[in-house]
Amino acid sequence: MIKKLGKQPLFLLGIGFLLFMLAGSFVHAIFFDSHVPQTPFLYDDDNKLMGAPFAPFDHSILGTDMNGNHLIYYILQGAKFTILGAFSIGLISFSLAFLIGIPLGFRYKERSKIVENTISVLYFVPASLIAYNFLRPLLWEPMSGFPTSLSFRLGVEMLVISILLVPPAAILIANETSVILKREYVTTSKVLGARPFHLYHRHLIPHIKGNLVTIFMRQTIQAILVMSHLGVFKLFFGGTNVGYGLGAGPPTPITYEWASMVGMYYDTLQTNVQWLVGVPLIFLVLFIIALMGIIRGVKNVMKHDERTVYLKQKSRVEGTDRHPTSLGTTDFTMVKGSSKS
């Protein structure tokens, strides 16, 4: 499997981008203590004083914000929280949806239909609004400071977002399971006495594993969207650092996760420094493209394996049918005295 994935260029590009960003983020945190340089002002060629923010490639590769903080270091600092956080939410929500959707699909009767109709209400209620109401008391820093640790806030936020993303995915998996179980060859297997585990292992998983990979990707992308919406509402991933009193600045994220950076600089869209939103937004888009490349590579390998198995089975069947008896001239030679009793 790994060797076959190594031959998929889309998979290599996607996983390469993620590993590169993760490596840079951990190196920046371990060896440089997540330090973010500042350049509040500069002198130009005419010895005139210029203040921040500076556009990309003017002084820093990705520019600076209004306080002179270099965005490239914010990007590195938030990469590990963005990638690992989105993957964790996607994995938790997918696992819960799988554990709920598969049994629901096996028992797709009136009771299951009632459960589906009840859960489907969440299709029409944005998960971001529900998450905002649940997470604001936890993520918004009070005047006395956070009473909880960063790891606790991250864990609770990922769990809440994961649970909110479960119902649509569970219904989708249940529908896929129900469709497979209604096929003729599965019905025949049931008549012959196949147990539910046999149906799950031999008939269900081989046919929906490609869709399961797609659902996992969808859950991860949905996690990024919810995190971005919360960022616009100033609820940043891991907590919002709020200043109180005269001269306090705007709310800032603690982790500088990319979606949180979009929310932090969202108000600058109406100014001439749109790159403050554009830079983290570009990295979010690259993250999603990398995810799609990874999933596409995995699905290509799955399709290749399925085709290989099909061709082997087909050649095996044809091989048993194509063994004609070779008859030579000696087979029809009459032996003298063979007719005597």
Protein backbone atom coordinates (compact mmCIF):
# COMPACT_ATOMS: atom_id res chain seq x y z
CA MET A 1 0.00 0.00 0.00
CA ILE A 2 2.74 2.46 0.98
CA LYS A 3 4.79 1.66 -2.12
CA LYS A 4 1.75 2.22 -4.32
CA LEU A 5 1.00 5.53 -2.61
CA GLY A 6 4.58 6.57 -3.30
CA LYS A 7 3.80 6.37 -7.01
CA GLN A 8 0.87 8.79 -6.74
CA PRO A 9 2.07 12.37 -7.47
CA LEU A 10 -1.02 14.01 -5.97
CA PHE A 11 -0.57 12.09 -2.74
CA LEU A 12 3.13 12.97 -2.57
CA LEU A 13 2.48 16.68 -3.17
CA GLY A 14 -0.29 16.79 -0.56
CA ILE A 15 1.53 14.87 2.16
CA GLY A 16 4.76 16.73 1.35
CA PHE A 17 3.14 20.13 1.94
CA LEU A 18 1.63 19.02 5.25
CA LEU A 19 4.85 17.44 6.52
CA PHE A 20 6.86 20.49 5.47
CA MET A 21 4.54 22.86 7.35
CA LEU A 22 4.44 20.62 10.41
CA ALA A 23 8.22 20.28 10.47
CA GLY A 24 8.68 24.05 10.14
CA SER A 25 6.12 24.69 12.89
CA PHE A 26 7.72 22.31 15.39
CA VAL A 27 11.23 23.56 14.61
CA HIS A 28 10.04 27.13 15.16
CA ALA A 29 8.43 26.13 18.48
CA ILE A 30 11.24 23.93 19.84
CA PHE A 31 14.38 25.75 18.73
CA PHE A 32 13.11 29.35 18.50
CA ASP A 33 10.47 29.31 21.26
CA SER A 34 7.80 30.50 18.74
CA HIS A 35 9.45 33.92 18.62
CA VAL A 36 7.84 36.41 16.19
CA PRO A 37 10.14 39.24 15.08
CA GLN A 38 8.79 42.77 14.87
CA THR A 39 9.61 45.58 12.47
CA PRO A 40 7.45 48.54 13.54
CA PHE A 41 9.19 51.04 11.25
CA LEU A 42 11.88 51.32 8.58
CA TYR A 43 13.83 53.97 6.71
CA ASP A 44 13.52 54.01 2.93
CA ASP A 45 16.21 54.89 0.41
CA ASP A 46 15.55 58.59 0.94
CA ASN A 47 16.00 58.16 4.69
CA LYS A 48 12.30 58.72 5.32
CA LEU A 49 10.58 56.91 8.14
CA MET A 50 7.99 54.31 7.12
CA GLY A 51 5.69 52.55 9.57
CA ALA A 52 4.07 49.14 9.52
CA PRO A 53 2.24 47.35 8.01
CA PHE A 54 4.57 46.35 5.19
CA ALA A 55 3.29 44.53 2.14
CA PRO A 56 4.59 41.07 1.19
CA PHE A 57 8.14 41.05 -0.23
CA ASP A 58 8.71 44.68 0.82
CA HIS A 59 10.55 43.73 3.98
CA SER A 60 9.25 40.28 4.91
CA ILE A 61 8.31 37.45 2.54
CA LEU A 62 4.66 37.51 3.67
CA GLY A 63 4.52 41.06 4.99
CA THR A 64 3.78 42.37 8.47
CA ASP A 65 0.70 43.45 10.36
CA MET A 66 -0.01 46.87 11.89
CA ASN A 67 2.31 46.19 14.83
CA GLY A 68 5.16 45.03 12.59
CA ASN A 69 4.79 41.32 13.39
CA HIS A 70 6.05 39.14 10.55
CA LEU A 71 3.22 36.99 9.21
CA ILE A 72 5.51 34.16 8.11
CA TYR A 73 6.26 33.38 11.77
CA TYR A 74 2.56 33.51 12.67
CA ILE A 75 1.94 31.03 9.84
CA LEU A 76 4.64 28.71 11.17
CA GLN A 77 3.36 29.05 14.73
CA GLY A 78 -0.21 28.16 13.77
CA ALA A 79 0.53 25.40 11.26
CA LYS A 80 0.65 22.58 13.82
CA PHE A 81 -2.59 23.69 15.46
CA THR A 82 -4.38 24.04 12.11
CA ILE A 83 -3.29 20.74 10.57
CA LEU A 84 -3.40 18.55 13.66
CA GLY A 85 -6.56 20.20 14.98
CA ALA A 86 -8.50 19.78 11.72
CA PHE A 87 -7.30 16.19 11.33
CA SER A 88 -8.25 15.38 14.92
CA ILE A 89 -11.75 16.82 14.55
CA GLY A 90 -12.20 15.02 11.23
CA LEU A 91 -11.03 11.71 12.70
CA ILE A 92 -13.19 11.95 15.84
CA SER A 93 -16.33 12.97 13.97
CA PHE A 94 -15.79 10.34 11.28
CA SER A 95 -15.24 7.59 13.86
CA LEU A 96 -18.41 8.51 15.75
CA ALA A 97 -20.40 8.77 12.53
CA PHE A 98 -19.12 5.36 11.42
CA LEU A 99 -20.05 3.73 14.73
CA ILE A 100 -23.56 5.23 14.52
CA GLY A 101 -24.17 5.02 10.77
CA ILE A 102 -23.28 1.36 10.17
CA PRO A 103 -25.72 -0.12 12.76
CA LEU A 104 -28.32 2.42 11.65
CA GLY A 105 -27.95 1.21 8.07
CA PHE A 106 -28.30 -2.45 9.07
CA ARG A 107 -31.55 -1.68 10.86
CA TYR A 108 -32.99 0.76 8.36
CA LYS A 109 -36.61 0.29 9.39
CA GLU A 110 -39.26 2.57 10.84
CA ARG A 111 -37.32 3.22 14.03
CA SER A 112 -34.21 4.09 12.07
CA LYS A 113 -36.27 6.40 9.88
CA ILE A 114 -37.50 8.23 12.97
CA VAL A 115 -33.91 8.63 14.19
CA GLU A 116 -32.88 9.96 10.78
CA ASN A 117 -35.72 12.48 10.70
CA THR A 118 -34.80 13.66 14.18
CA ILE A 119 -31.11 14.04 13.43
CA SER A 120 -31.71 15.66 10.03
CA VAL A 121 -32.96 18.78 11.83
CA LEU A 122 -29.28 19.69 12.32
CA TYR A 123 -28.97 20.01 8.52
CA PHE A 124 -30.84 23.32 8.78
CA VAL A 125 -29.08 24.69 11.88
CA PRO A 126 -25.51 25.89 11.18
CA ALA A 127 -23.01 24.04 13.34
CA SER A 128 -21.05 27.27 13.78
CA LEU A 129 -23.90 28.97 15.66
CA ILE A 130 -24.35 26.02 18.00
CA ALA A 131 -20.59 25.82 18.58
CA TYR A 132 -20.47 29.57 19.30
CA ASN A 133 -23.04 29.32 22.07
CA PHE A 134 -21.38 26.28 23.65
CA LEU A 135 -17.78 27.48 23.36
CA ARG A 136 -17.95 31.21 24.11
CA PRO A 137 -17.85 30.77 27.93
CA LEU A 138 -14.81 28.53 27.50
CA LEU A 139 -12.82 30.38 24.83
CA TRP A 140 -13.48 34.04 25.67
CA GLU A 141 -10.88 35.15 28.22
CA PRO A 142 -12.41 36.73 31.35
CA MET A 143 -10.89 39.74 33.08
CA SER A 144 -9.15 37.53 35.61
CA GLY A 145 -7.56 35.32 32.94
CA PHE A 146 -8.28 31.81 31.77
CA PRO A 147 -9.12 29.41 34.60
CA THR A 148 -8.38 26.42 32.33
CA SER A 149 -5.28 25.23 30.51
CA LEU A 150 -4.71 25.47 26.75
CA SER A 151 -4.79 21.69 26.31
CA PHE A 152 -8.14 21.48 28.10
CA ARG A 153 -9.68 24.19 25.93
CA LEU A 154 -8.34 22.59 22.75
CA GLY A 155 -9.69 19.18 23.75
CA VAL A 156 -13.16 20.48 24.63
CA GLU A 157 -13.38 22.60 21.46
CA MET A 158 -12.37 19.70 19.21
CA LEU A 159 -14.84 17.39 20.94
CA VAL A 160 -17.75 19.86 20.63
CA ILE A 161 -17.09 20.57 16.95
CA SER A 162 -16.68 16.84 16.28
CA ILE A 163 -20.02 15.99 17.88
CA LEU A 164 -21.78 18.72 15.89
CA LEU A 165 -20.39 17.30 12.63
CA VAL A 166 -21.45 13.72 13.40
CA PRO A 167 -25.21 13.69 12.50
CA PRO A 168 -24.98 14.53 8.76
CA ALA A 169 -22.09 12.09 8.27
CA ALA A 170 -23.87 9.35 10.22
CA ILE A 171 -26.99 9.70 8.08
CA LEU A 172 -24.88 9.60 4.92
CA ILE A 173 -23.09 6.41 6.03
CA ALA A 174 -26.43 4.85 7.04
CA ASN A 175 -27.91 5.61 3.62
CA GLU A 176 -24.86 4.14 1.85
CA THR A 177 -25.06 1.03 4.03
CA SER A 178 -28.77 0.59 3.40
CA VAL A 179 -28.32 0.86 -0.38
CA ILE A 180 -25.58 -1.80 -0.40
CA LEU A 181 -27.57 -4.19 1.79
CA LYS A 182 -30.56 -4.00 -0.56
CA ARG A 183 -28.59 -5.27 -3.55
CA GLU A 184 -29.48 -8.66 -4.97
CA TYR A 185 -26.26 -10.50 -4.17
CA VAL A 186 -26.40 -9.30 -0.55
CA THR A 187 -30.02 -10.42 -0.25
CA THR A 188 -29.01 -13.81 -1.64
CA SER A 189 -26.22 -14.05 0.90
CA LYS A 190 -28.73 -13.33 3.67
CA VAL A 191 -31.01 -16.10 2.41
CA LEU A 192 -28.07 -18.51 2.49
CA GLY A 193 -27.56 -17.71 6.17
CA ALA A 194 -24.86 -15.03 6.17
CA ARG A 195 -24.31 -13.33 9.52
CA PRO A 196 -24.21 -9.51 9.89
CA PHE A 197 -20.43 -9.59 10.42
CA HIS A 198 -19.99 -11.56 7.19
CA LEU A 199 -22.13 -9.02 5.33
CA TYR A 200 -20.13 -6.18 6.88
CA HIS A 201 -16.73 -7.69 6.14
CA ARG A 202 -17.30 -9.30 2.73
CA HIS A 203 -19.94 -7.14 1.07
CA LEU A 204 -20.25 -3.75 2.77
CA ILE A 205 -16.71 -2.51 3.45
CA PRO A 206 -15.24 -3.44 0.02
CA HIS A 207 -17.97 -1.39 -1.69
CA ILE A 208 -18.08 1.71 0.52
CA LYS A 209 -14.44 2.14 1.54
CA GLY A 210 -13.92 4.69 -1.22
CA ASN A 211 -16.94 6.67 -0.02
CA LEU A 212 -15.68 6.44 3.56
CA VAL A 213 -12.42 8.09 2.54
CA THR A 214 -14.40 10.87 0.88
CA ILE A 215 -16.55 11.32 4.00
CA PHE A 216 -13.42 11.62 6.16
CA MET A 217 -12.09 14.35 3.86
CA ARG A 218 -15.45 16.10 4.00
CA GLN A 219 -15.44 16.03 7.81
CA THR A 220 -11.96 17.55 7.92
CA ILE A 221 -12.92 20.34 5.52
CA GLN A 222 -16.11 20.96 7.51
CA ALA A 223 -13.95 21.32 10.62
CA ILE A 224 -11.89 24.01 8.87
CA LEU A 225 -15.07 25.86 7.89
CA VAL A 226 -16.45 25.81 11.43
CA MET A 227 -13.12 26.99 12.83
CA SER A 228 -13.11 29.82 10.27
CA HIS A 229 -16.65 30.88 11.19
CA LEU A 230 -15.76 30.91 14.87
CA GLY A 231 -12.69 32.96 14.02
CA VAL A 232 -14.86 35.61 12.34
CA PHE A 233 -16.90 35.70 15.57
CA LYS A 234 -13.61 36.29 17.45
CA LEU A 235 -13.69 32.85 19.08
CA PHE A 236 -10.23 31.65 18.18
CA PHE A 237 -8.94 28.08 18.28
CA GLY A 238 -7.68 27.39 21.79
CA GLY A 239 -8.94 30.65 23.25
CA THR A 240 -9.27 34.38 22.60
CA ASN A 241 -6.80 36.66 24.34
CA VAL A 242 -8.86 39.70 25.39
CA GLY A 243 -7.40 42.93 26.71
CA TYR A 244 -9.37 45.02 29.22
CA GLY A 245 -8.94 48.61 30.23
CA LEU A 246 -7.88 51.76 28.43
CA GLY A 247 -5.60 51.24 25.44
CA ALA A 248 -6.41 47.55 25.15
CA GLY A 249 -5.96 46.17 21.65
CA PRO A 250 -8.37 43.99 19.70
CA PRO A 251 -8.83 40.31 20.63
CA THR A 252 -5.99 38.08 19.47
CA PRO A 253 -5.63 34.30 19.20
CA ILE A 254 -3.39 32.31 21.49
CA THR A 255 -2.42 29.61 18.99
CA TYR A 256 -2.44 31.75 15.79
CA GLU A 257 -4.16 28.93 13.95
CA TRP A 258 -4.76 29.93 10.31
CA ALA A 259 -8.56 30.16 10.51
CA SER A 260 -8.19 32.25 13.66
CA MET A 261 -5.82 34.58 11.82
CA VAL A 262 -8.47 35.11 9.15
CA GLY A 263 -10.89 36.16 11.89
CA MET A 264 -8.31 38.33 13.65
CA TYR A 265 -7.59 40.34 10.49
CA TYR A 266 -11.12 40.15 9.08
CA ASP A 267 -11.80 43.86 9.71
CA THR A 268 -8.86 44.84 7.48
CA LEU A 269 -10.76 43.73 4.37
CA GLN A 270 -12.16 47.26 4.13
CA THR A 271 -8.68 48.79 4.16
CA ASN A 272 -5.75 48.68 1.77
CA VAL A 273 -3.97 45.89 3.69
CA GLN A 274 -6.01 42.96 2.42
CA TRP A 275 -2.95 40.71 2.46
CA LEU A 276 -3.42 40.30 6.22
CA VAL A 277 -6.49 38.18 5.48
CA GLY A 278 -5.21 36.88 2.16
CA VAL A 279 -2.05 35.24 3.53
CA PRO A 280 -3.71 32.85 6.06
CA LEU A 281 -6.58 32.32 3.63
CA ILE A 282 -4.15 31.17 0.94
CA PHE A 283 -2.60 28.68 3.35
CA LEU A 284 -6.04 27.36 4.29
CA VAL A 285 -6.80 26.85 0.60
CA LEU A 286 -3.46 25.08 0.14
CA PHE A 287 -4.30 22.88 3.13
CA ILE A 288 -7.63 21.88 1.57
CA ILE A 289 -5.97 21.25 -1.82
CA ALA A 290 -3.37 19.06 -0.09
CA LEU A 291 -6.16 17.09 1.60
CA MET A 292 -7.91 16.57 -1.72
CA GLY A 293 -4.64 15.42 -3.30
CA ILE A 294 -4.05 12.90 -0.51
CA ILE A 295 -7.57 11.53 -0.77
CA ARG A 296 -7.36 11.33 -4.56
CA GLY A 297 -4.12 9.35 -4.33
CA VAL A 298 -5.59 6.93 -1.77
CA LYS A 299 -8.71 6.38 -3.89
CA ASN A 300 -6.58 5.76 -7.00
CA VAL A 301 -4.68 3.04 -5.14
CA MET A 302 -7.96 1.53 -3.94
CA LYS A 303 -9.36 1.45 -7.47
CA HIS A 304 -6.15 -0.14 -8.74
CA ASP A 305 -6.31 -2.83 -6.05
CA GLU A 306 -9.98 -3.55 -6.81
CA ARG A 307 -9.23 -3.85 -10.52
CA THR A 308 -6.28 -6.16 -9.82
CA VAL A 309 -8.43 -8.44 -7.67
CA TYR A 310 -11.16 -8.46 -10.31
CA LEU A 311 -8.73 -9.38 -13.09
CA LYS A 312 -7.18 -12.16 -10.99
CA GLN A 313 -10.59 -13.64 -10.25
CA LYS A 314 -11.61 -13.34 -13.88
CA SER A 315 -8.43 -15.04 -15.14
CA ARG A 316 -8.88 -17.80 -12.56
CA VAL A 317 -12.43 -18.47 -13.74
CA GLU A 318 -11.43 -18.36 -17.39
CA GLY A 319 -8.51 -20.65 -16.68
CA THR A 320 -10.81 -23.36 -15.34
CA ASP A 321 -13.02 -23.13 -18.41
CA ARG A 322 -10.25 -23.12 -20.97
CA HIS A 323 -8.63 -26.53 -20.53
CA PRO A 324 -9.86 -28.52 -23.58
CA THR A 325 -8.79 -32.14 -23.79
CA SER A 326 -6.04 -32.51 -26.42
CA LEU A 327 -6.74 -35.57 -28.53
CA GLY A 328 -4.02 -37.01 -30.71
CA THR A 329 -4.10 -39.59 -33.54
CA THR A 330 -3.01 -42.34 -31.17
CA ASP A 331 -6.22 -41.95 -29.21
CA PHE A 332 -8.16 -43.43 -32.12
CA THR A 333 -5.74 -46.31 -32.93
CA MET A 334 -7.40 -49.71 -32.93
CA VAL A 335 -5.42 -52.33 -31.03
CA LYS A 336 -5.54 -55.83 -32.48
CA GLY A 337 -7.59 -58.23 -30.45
CA SER A 338 -9.19 -55.43 -28.40
CA SER A 339 -12.69 -56.51 -29.58
CA LYS A 340 -12.23 -60.12 -28.44
CA SER A 341 -13.66 -61.05 -25.13
